[in-house]
N, C-alpha and C. Protein backbone atom coordinates (compact mmCIF):
# COMPACT_ATOMS: atom_id res chain seq x y z
N MET A 1 -5.33 -12.67 8.69
CA MET A 1 -5.81 -11.75 9.65
C MET A 1 -7.01 -11.15 9.23
N ASP A 2 -7.55 -11.33 9.97
CA ASP A 2 -9.50 -10.40 9.93
C ASP A 2 -9.08 -9.07 10.13
N ASP A 3 -10.54 -8.72 9.95
CA ASP A 3 -10.72 -7.39 9.69
C ASP A 3 -10.93 -6.85 11.36
N THR A 4 -10.48 -7.73 12.36
CA THR A 4 -10.87 -7.28 13.88
C THR A 4 -9.48 -7.29 14.08
N THR A 5 -8.16 -7.57 13.56
CA THR A 5 -7.35 -7.44 14.52
C THR A 5 -6.96 -5.88 14.52
N SER A 6 -6.29 -5.37 15.87
CA SER A 6 -6.02 -4.06 15.91
C SER A 6 -4.82 -3.87 15.55
N TYR A 7 -4.62 -2.64 14.72
CA TYR A 7 -3.41 -2.07 14.26
C TYR A 7 -3.31 -0.33 14.50
N SER A 8 -4.61 -0.05 15.37
CA SER A 8 -4.64 1.51 15.54
C SER A 8 -5.77 1.53 16.71
N LYS A 9 -5.74 2.42 17.30
CA LYS A 9 -7.30 2.57 17.69
C LYS A 9 -8.54 2.94 17.14
N PHE A 10 -8.47 2.53 15.76
CA PHE A 10 -9.28 2.82 15.22
C PHE A 10 -10.16 0.87 14.80
N GLY A 11 -9.46 -0.04 15.43
CA GLY A 11 -9.68 -1.14 15.32
C GLY A 11 -9.73 -2.21 13.71
N SER A 12 -10.76 -1.80 12.91
CA SER A 12 -10.97 -2.31 11.87
C SER A 12 -9.46 -2.10 10.53
N ILE A 13 -9.22 -3.12 9.66
CA ILE A 13 -8.71 -2.54 8.90
C ILE A 13 -8.76 -1.54 7.92
N ALA A 14 -10.21 -1.41 7.19
CA ALA A 14 -10.18 -0.60 6.81
C ALA A 14 -10.68 0.77 7.32
N GLU A 15 -10.92 1.32 8.39
CA GLU A 15 -11.49 1.96 9.18
C GLU A 15 -9.68 2.67 9.57
N THR A 16 -8.42 1.67 9.48
CA THR A 16 -7.26 2.70 10.26
C THR A 16 -6.77 2.93 8.60
N ILE A 17 -7.05 1.92 7.52
CA ILE A 17 -6.28 2.86 6.24
C ILE A 17 -7.07 4.22 6.06
N LYS A 18 -8.44 4.40 6.36
CA LYS A 18 -9.01 5.03 5.90
C LYS A 18 -8.89 6.57 6.74
N GLN A 19 -8.21 6.31 8.20
CA GLN A 19 -7.95 7.33 8.95
C GLN A 19 -6.60 7.63 8.73
N LEU A 20 -5.35 6.84 8.28
CA LEU A 20 -4.02 6.98 8.07
C LEU A 20 -3.89 7.54 6.71
N ILE A 21 -4.87 7.50 5.93
CA ILE A 21 -4.66 8.00 4.36
C ILE A 21 -5.61 9.39 4.30
N SER A 22 -7.00 9.16 4.69
CA SER A 22 -7.27 10.30 4.62
C SER A 22 -7.14 11.59 5.87
N THR A 23 -7.29 11.30 7.38
CA THR A 23 -7.33 12.16 8.21
C THR A 23 -5.84 12.47 8.33
N TYR A 24 -5.26 11.41 8.37
CA TYR A 24 -3.64 12.22 8.93
C TYR A 24 -2.49 11.85 7.47
N GLY A 25 -2.93 11.30 5.76
CA GLY A 25 -2.45 11.66 5.47
C GLY A 25 -0.59 10.89 5.47
N VAL A 26 -0.74 9.83 6.81
CA VAL A 26 0.63 8.82 6.80
C VAL A 26 0.36 7.36 6.54
N TYR A 27 1.52 6.51 6.66
CA TYR A 27 1.20 5.06 6.66
C TYR A 27 2.05 4.78 7.24
N GLY A 28 2.28 3.39 8.40
CA GLY A 28 2.79 2.66 8.96
C GLY A 28 3.73 1.56 8.67
N TYR A 29 4.98 1.34 9.03
CA TYR A 29 5.47 -0.06 8.66
C TYR A 29 5.99 -0.41 9.67
N GLY A 30 6.06 -1.99 9.83
CA GLY A 30 6.44 -2.58 11.51
C GLY A 30 8.01 -2.50 11.46
N LYS A 31 8.86 -2.71 12.32
CA LYS A 31 10.39 -2.44 12.31
C LYS A 31 10.78 -3.61 11.67
N ASN A 32 10.31 -4.38 11.10
CA ASN A 32 10.95 -5.44 9.95
C ASN A 32 10.29 -5.46 8.64
N THR A 33 9.90 -4.32 8.18
CA THR A 33 9.14 -4.48 7.29
C THR A 33 9.87 -4.61 5.90
N PRO A 34 10.11 -5.36 5.31
CA PRO A 34 11.10 -5.36 3.91
C PRO A 34 10.80 -4.14 3.44
N GLY A 35 11.80 -3.71 2.19
CA GLY A 35 11.46 -2.87 1.53
C GLY A 35 11.36 -1.15 2.20
N ARG A 36 11.25 -0.97 3.75
CA ARG A 36 11.32 -0.11 4.29
C ARG A 36 12.12 0.93 4.17
N LYS A 37 13.50 0.49 4.10
CA LYS A 37 14.73 1.47 3.60
C LYS A 37 14.57 2.11 2.58
N GLU A 38 13.99 1.19 1.34
CA GLU A 38 14.00 1.86 0.26
C GLU A 38 13.23 2.83 -0.18
N ILE A 39 11.79 3.42 0.33
CA ILE A 39 10.97 3.86 0.52
C ILE A 39 11.61 5.21 0.19
N LYS A 40 11.23 6.11 -0.63
CA LYS A 40 11.70 7.49 -0.29
C LYS A 40 10.47 8.61 -0.68
N PRO A 41 10.52 9.90 -0.82
CA PRO A 41 9.84 11.17 -1.07
C PRO A 41 9.76 10.41 -2.60
N HIS A 42 8.58 10.97 -3.07
CA HIS A 42 8.39 10.96 -4.64
C HIS A 42 7.89 9.74 -4.91
N ASP A 43 8.42 8.50 -4.24
CA ASP A 43 7.46 6.72 -4.75
C ASP A 43 6.29 6.97 -4.97
N ARG A 44 5.59 5.92 -5.53
CA ARG A 44 4.55 6.18 -5.31
C ARG A 44 4.08 4.22 -4.73
N ILE A 45 2.99 4.37 -4.06
CA ILE A 45 2.68 3.15 -3.35
C ILE A 45 1.20 2.84 -3.28
N CYS A 46 1.04 1.89 -3.45
CA CYS A 46 -0.87 1.21 -3.20
C CYS A 46 -0.78 0.60 -1.66
N ILE A 47 -1.84 0.69 -1.47
CA ILE A 47 -2.09 0.34 -0.29
C ILE A 47 -3.37 -1.11 -0.44
N TYR A 48 -3.19 -2.24 0.34
CA TYR A 48 -3.50 -3.53 -0.32
C TYR A 48 -4.42 -3.47 1.59
N GLU A 49 -5.74 -3.91 1.32
CA GLU A 49 -6.45 -4.21 2.27
C GLU A 49 -6.48 -6.14 2.17
N VAL A 50 -6.57 -6.72 3.23
CA VAL A 50 -6.41 -8.17 3.18
C VAL A 50 -7.69 -8.43 2.61
N GLY A 51 -7.97 -9.51 1.65
CA GLY A 51 -9.08 -10.32 1.68
C GLY A 51 -9.72 -9.01 0.51
N LYS A 52 -9.51 -8.19 -0.10
CA LYS A 52 -10.67 -6.88 -0.40
C LYS A 52 -9.34 -6.74 -1.70
N GLY A 53 -8.58 -6.24 -1.49
CA GLY A 53 -7.83 -5.34 -2.82
C GLY A 53 -6.70 -4.47 -2.55
N ILE A 54 -6.46 -3.59 -3.55
CA ILE A 54 -5.66 -2.46 -3.29
C ILE A 54 -6.90 -1.65 -3.19
N VAL A 55 -6.86 -0.45 -2.27
CA VAL A 55 -7.74 0.48 -1.74
C VAL A 55 -7.24 1.92 -1.68
N SER A 56 -5.87 2.14 -1.97
CA SER A 56 -5.66 3.31 -1.88
C SER A 56 -4.48 3.03 -2.79
N HIS A 57 -3.98 4.45 -3.37
CA HIS A 57 -2.52 4.63 -3.72
C HIS A 57 -2.37 6.08 -3.38
N GLY A 58 -0.99 6.70 -3.46
CA GLY A 58 -0.30 7.72 -3.42
C GLY A 58 0.88 7.99 -3.68
N THR A 59 1.37 9.32 -3.37
CA THR A 59 2.72 9.61 -3.38
C THR A 59 3.41 9.81 -1.91
N VAL A 60 4.66 8.85 -2.01
CA VAL A 60 5.41 9.24 -0.48
C VAL A 60 5.93 10.14 -0.63
N ALA A 61 5.40 11.43 0.68
CA ALA A 61 5.93 12.62 1.00
C ALA A 61 7.51 12.64 1.93
N THR A 62 7.49 11.89 2.60
CA THR A 62 8.76 11.75 3.67
C THR A 62 9.61 10.08 3.64
N TYR A 63 10.44 10.38 3.96
CA TYR A 63 11.32 9.00 4.81
C TYR A 63 10.30 8.39 5.85
N PRO A 64 10.57 7.49 5.89
CA PRO A 64 9.81 6.74 6.76
C PRO A 64 10.62 7.24 8.14
N LYS A 65 10.43 7.78 9.00
CA LYS A 65 10.90 8.21 10.52
C LYS A 65 10.36 6.64 11.56
N ASN A 66 10.86 6.86 12.29
CA ASN A 66 10.97 5.88 13.76
C ASN A 66 10.45 6.92 14.81
N GLN A 67 9.35 6.75 15.09
CA GLN A 67 7.96 7.80 15.33
C GLN A 67 6.74 7.56 16.22
N ILE A 68 6.23 8.06 17.45
CA ILE A 68 5.30 7.74 17.89
C ILE A 68 4.41 8.75 17.23
N HIS A 69 3.15 7.85 16.91
CA HIS A 69 2.06 8.45 16.20
C HIS A 69 0.97 8.16 16.16
N PRO A 70 -0.27 9.23 16.71
CA PRO A 70 -1.37 9.34 17.92
C PRO A 70 -2.59 7.86 17.27
N ALA A 71 -1.97 7.57 15.87
CA ALA A 71 -3.17 7.06 15.24
C ALA A 71 -2.28 5.16 15.13
N LEU A 72 -1.52 5.07 15.54
CA LEU A 72 -0.83 3.74 15.21
C LEU A 72 -0.08 2.93 16.40
N ASP A 73 -0.10 1.86 16.49
CA ASP A 73 0.29 1.44 17.78
C ASP A 73 1.79 1.30 17.78
N TYR A 74 2.72 2.19 18.21
CA TYR A 74 3.99 2.11 17.77
C TYR A 74 4.85 0.71 18.05
N GLU A 75 4.15 -0.19 19.42
CA GLU A 75 5.17 -1.36 19.15
C GLU A 75 4.59 -2.14 17.74
N LYS A 76 4.03 -1.90 17.18
CA LYS A 76 3.65 -2.49 15.99
C LYS A 76 3.99 -2.07 14.35
N PHE A 77 4.18 -0.71 14.38
CA PHE A 77 4.06 0.35 13.40
C PHE A 77 4.92 1.22 14.02
N PRO A 78 6.19 1.73 14.39
CA PRO A 78 6.90 2.50 15.02
C PRO A 78 7.87 3.35 13.56
N TRP A 79 7.95 2.79 12.48
CA TRP A 79 8.01 3.60 11.09
C TRP A 79 6.89 4.27 10.37
N VAL A 80 6.76 5.45 10.20
CA VAL A 80 6.10 6.20 10.01
C VAL A 80 6.27 7.30 8.42
N PHE A 81 5.24 7.32 7.95
CA PHE A 81 5.67 8.72 6.26
C PHE A 81 4.58 9.31 5.97
N GLU A 82 4.90 10.38 5.26
CA GLU A 82 3.44 10.91 4.84
C GLU A 82 3.28 10.53 3.38
N ILE A 83 2.15 10.58 3.36
CA ILE A 83 1.52 10.12 1.99
C ILE A 83 0.67 11.66 1.77
N GLU A 84 0.94 11.92 0.21
CA GLU A 84 0.32 13.00 -0.09
C GLU A 84 -0.53 12.25 -1.80
N ASP A 85 -1.18 13.43 -2.43
CA ASP A 85 -1.89 13.30 -3.71
C ASP A 85 -2.46 11.75 -3.42
N SER A 86 -3.06 10.87 -2.46
CA SER A 86 -3.90 10.20 -2.16
C SER A 86 -4.95 10.12 -2.89
N ARG A 87 -5.61 8.54 -3.52
CA ARG A 87 -6.79 8.55 -3.50
C ARG A 87 -7.13 7.35 -2.38
N LEU A 88 -7.89 7.08 -2.33
CA LEU A 88 -9.14 6.45 -1.51
C LEU A 88 -10.24 5.52 -2.13
N TYR A 89 -10.13 4.19 -1.99
CA TYR A 89 -11.75 3.23 -2.98
C TYR A 89 -11.26 2.39 -1.91
N LEU A 90 -11.80 2.60 -0.62
CA LEU A 90 -12.53 1.24 0.00
C LEU A 90 -13.55 0.19 -0.54
N ASP A 91 -14.36 1.15 -1.20
CA ASP A 91 -15.92 0.55 -1.31
C ASP A 91 -15.48 0.00 -2.99
N ASP A 92 -14.89 0.28 -3.46
CA ASP A 92 -14.16 -0.07 -5.16
C ASP A 92 -12.69 -0.75 -5.17
N PRO A 93 -12.54 -1.61 -4.24
CA PRO A 93 -11.01 -1.35 -4.24
C PRO A 93 -10.87 -2.62 -5.85
N VAL A 94 -9.74 -2.34 -5.82
CA VAL A 94 -9.18 -3.30 -7.32
C VAL A 94 -8.48 -4.86 -7.02
N GLU A 95 -9.57 -5.56 -7.21
CA GLU A 95 -9.18 -7.03 -7.11
C GLU A 95 -8.30 -7.58 -7.57
N LEU A 96 -7.28 -8.52 -7.40
CA LEU A 96 -6.20 -9.12 -7.59
C LEU A 96 -6.42 -10.23 -8.23
N THR A 97 -7.49 -10.40 -9.32
CA THR A 97 -8.13 -11.36 -10.29
C THR A 97 -6.94 -12.14 -10.82
N PRO A 98 -7.35 -13.21 -11.43
CA PRO A 98 -6.09 -14.05 -12.04
C PRO A 98 -6.16 -13.45 -13.52
N GLU A 99 -7.01 -12.84 -13.88
CA GLU A 99 -6.48 -11.80 -15.00
C GLU A 99 -6.03 -11.16 -15.38
N LEU A 100 -5.99 -9.89 -14.02
CA LEU A 100 -5.32 -8.70 -13.46
C LEU A 100 -3.94 -9.35 -13.27
N ARG A 101 -3.73 -10.50 -12.58
CA ARG A 101 -2.09 -11.13 -12.19
C ARG A 101 -1.69 -11.44 -13.41
N LYS A 102 -2.20 -11.92 -14.72
CA LYS A 102 -1.68 -12.61 -15.79
C LYS A 102 -1.33 -11.51 -16.68
N GLN A 103 -1.47 -9.88 -16.13
CA GLN A 103 -0.70 -8.76 -17.25
C GLN A 103 0.20 -8.43 -16.33
N LEU A 104 0.68 -8.34 -14.80
CA LEU A 104 1.55 -7.85 -14.27
C LEU A 104 2.71 -8.38 -14.35
N ASP A 105 4.17 -7.45 -14.78
CA ASP A 105 5.51 -8.12 -14.98
C ASP A 105 5.73 -9.03 -13.35
N ALA A 106 5.12 -8.44 -12.53
CA ALA A 106 5.88 -9.59 -11.35
C ALA A 106 5.30 -11.03 -11.05
N PHE A 107 4.58 -11.19 -12.02
CA PHE A 107 4.08 -12.56 -12.29
C PHE A 107 4.48 -13.25 -13.35
N LYS A 108 5.82 -12.62 -14.28
CA LYS A 108 6.13 -13.13 -15.34
C LYS A 108 7.07 -14.40 -15.09
N ASP A 109 6.83 -15.60 -15.48
CA ASP A 109 7.44 -16.82 -15.30
C ASP A 109 6.96 -17.34 -13.81
N LYS A 110 5.58 -16.99 -13.30
CA LYS A 110 5.43 -17.44 -11.83
C LYS A 110 4.00 -18.07 -12.03
N ASN A 111 3.52 -18.53 -10.93
CA ASN A 111 2.24 -19.35 -11.25
C ASN A 111 1.04 -18.15 -10.30
N ILE A 112 0.49 -17.77 -11.59
CA ILE A 112 -0.53 -17.08 -10.88
C ILE A 112 -1.57 -16.92 -9.50
N GLU A 113 -1.69 -18.54 -9.49
CA GLU A 113 -2.54 -18.70 -8.66
C GLU A 113 -2.03 -19.03 -7.11
N ASN A 114 -0.93 -19.08 -7.42
CA ASN A 114 0.11 -18.76 -5.57
C ASN A 114 0.58 -17.06 -5.72
N TRP A 115 0.24 -16.49 -5.35
CA TRP A 115 0.31 -15.15 -5.27
C TRP A 115 0.40 -14.13 -3.81
N SER A 116 -0.03 -15.30 -2.66
CA SER A 116 0.29 -14.34 -1.67
C SER A 116 1.53 -13.81 -0.99
N TRP A 117 2.63 -14.27 -2.00
CA TRP A 117 4.12 -13.67 -1.73
C TRP A 117 3.86 -12.39 -2.40
N PHE A 118 2.69 -11.77 -3.50
CA PHE A 118 2.87 -10.43 -3.81
C PHE A 118 2.51 -9.28 -2.76
N VAL A 119 1.54 -10.17 -2.00
CA VAL A 119 0.60 -8.61 -1.28
C VAL A 119 1.22 -8.99 0.50
N GLN A 120 2.40 -9.73 0.62
CA GLN A 120 2.46 -10.17 2.07
C GLN A 120 3.35 -8.73 2.18
N SER A 121 4.33 -7.86 1.69
CA SER A 121 5.36 -7.60 2.16
C SER A 121 5.52 -6.15 1.05
N THR A 122 6.24 -4.76 1.10
CA THR A 122 6.73 -4.34 0.04
C THR A 122 7.29 -4.90 -0.89
N ARG A 123 6.87 -4.18 -2.27
CA ARG A 123 7.59 -4.88 -3.32
C ARG A 123 7.50 -3.64 -4.14
N LYS A 124 8.84 -3.75 -4.99
CA LYS A 124 9.47 -2.58 -5.93
C LYS A 124 8.39 -3.21 -6.95
N LEU A 125 7.51 -2.06 -7.86
CA LEU A 125 7.06 -2.48 -9.13
C LEU A 125 7.62 -1.39 -10.11
N THR A 126 7.19 -2.53 -11.20
CA THR A 126 7.42 -2.07 -12.29
C THR A 126 6.29 -0.87 -12.80
N LYS A 127 6.63 0.37 -13.70
CA LYS A 127 5.08 1.47 -13.86
C LYS A 127 4.45 1.17 -14.37
N LYS A 128 4.78 0.03 -15.51
CA LYS A 128 3.58 -0.71 -16.26
C LYS A 128 2.82 -1.22 -15.09
N ASP A 129 3.04 -2.44 -13.90
CA ASP A 129 2.42 -2.99 -13.33
C ASP A 129 1.77 -1.57 -12.09
N PHE A 130 2.21 -0.79 -11.44
CA PHE A 130 1.46 0.24 -11.01
C PHE A 130 0.51 1.03 -11.63
N LYS A 131 0.20 1.31 -13.02
CA LYS A 131 -0.52 1.93 -13.70
C LYS A 131 -1.63 0.69 -13.71
N LEU A 132 -1.63 -0.50 -14.34
CA LEU A 132 -2.66 -1.50 -14.21
C LEU A 132 -3.17 -1.35 -12.84
N LEU A 133 -2.56 -1.59 -11.80
CA LEU A 133 -3.07 -1.60 -10.41
C LEU A 133 -4.05 -0.36 -10.17
N ILE A 134 -3.63 0.72 -10.77
CA ILE A 134 -4.29 1.97 -10.44
C ILE A 134 -5.37 2.17 -11.42
N ASN A 135 -5.11 1.50 -12.17
CA ASN A 135 -6.00 1.67 -13.66
C ASN A 135 -7.52 2.24 -13.38
N GLN A 136 -7.99 3.13 -13.45
CA GLN A 136 -9.13 3.68 -13.40
C GLN A 136 -9.52 4.52 -12.11
N LYS A 137 -8.48 4.62 -11.08
CA LYS A 137 -8.62 4.95 -9.89
C LYS A 137 -7.58 6.46 -10.17
N SER A 138 -7.02 6.72 -10.79
CA SER A 138 -6.41 8.21 -10.68
C SER A 138 -6.17 8.46 -12.36
N GLN A 139 -5.82 9.98 -12.18
CA GLN A 139 -5.22 10.59 -13.31
C GLN A 139 -4.33 10.99 -13.52
N SER A 140 -3.17 10.77 -12.35
CA SER A 140 -2.16 10.80 -12.03
C SER A 140 -1.19 10.33 -13.27
N ASN A 141 0.22 10.77 -13.23
CA ASN A 141 0.94 9.86 -14.25
C ASN A 141 1.88 9.54 -13.50
N PRO A 142 2.04 8.33 -13.06
CA PRO A 142 3.61 7.78 -12.28
C PRO A 142 4.51 7.63 -12.98
N GLU A 143 5.01 8.00 -14.63
CA GLU A 143 5.81 8.05 -15.03
C GLU A 143 7.05 8.71 -13.96
N ASN A 144 8.21 7.62 -14.24
CA ASN A 144 9.71 8.99 -13.88
C ASN A 144 9.93 8.62 -12.14
N LEU A 145 8.87 7.75 -11.69
CA LEU A 145 8.57 7.22 -10.12
C LEU A 145 9.31 5.91 -10.02
N ASN A 146 9.65 5.79 -8.87
CA ASN A 146 9.27 4.09 -8.52
C ASN A 146 8.38 3.82 -7.53
N SER A 147 7.78 2.71 -7.67
CA SER A 147 6.39 2.80 -7.16
C SER A 147 6.64 1.07 -6.61
N TYR A 148 6.10 1.26 -5.59
CA TYR A 148 5.44 0.09 -4.62
C TYR A 148 4.32 -0.20 -4.15
N PHE A 149 4.53 -1.57 -3.97
CA PHE A 149 2.86 -2.34 -3.36
C PHE A 149 3.23 -2.64 -1.91
């Protein structure tokens, strides 16, 4: 996907993430998004921008609800959940470099060069991986919380 794909009324992926997280405090999932049913309040989440890296993280505040949201195309993203305590760093993303991937539990016994599977859908992360992915971006403590990417 390129940055011109329309996900909402905002056009670009970066602007959509900015508006969803900063203005509305929500995020949306498609009707078939893997892991959607496991997301629940108090889980931690990272937001990945295609071709950039992790550009935001926060805490899930509500269960995903099938609802129309003014910022999202309902046909593409009918499941909406609130996010709180979010941080947005679109201009300073966490790049998933080979060095970082080597440190992640998710890549244990996997080829770090083939990593698109890691960002193509929601994945449950270990607390260690979540901390590594948000390193230097937050003072919050993700202990005892489920973490997703």
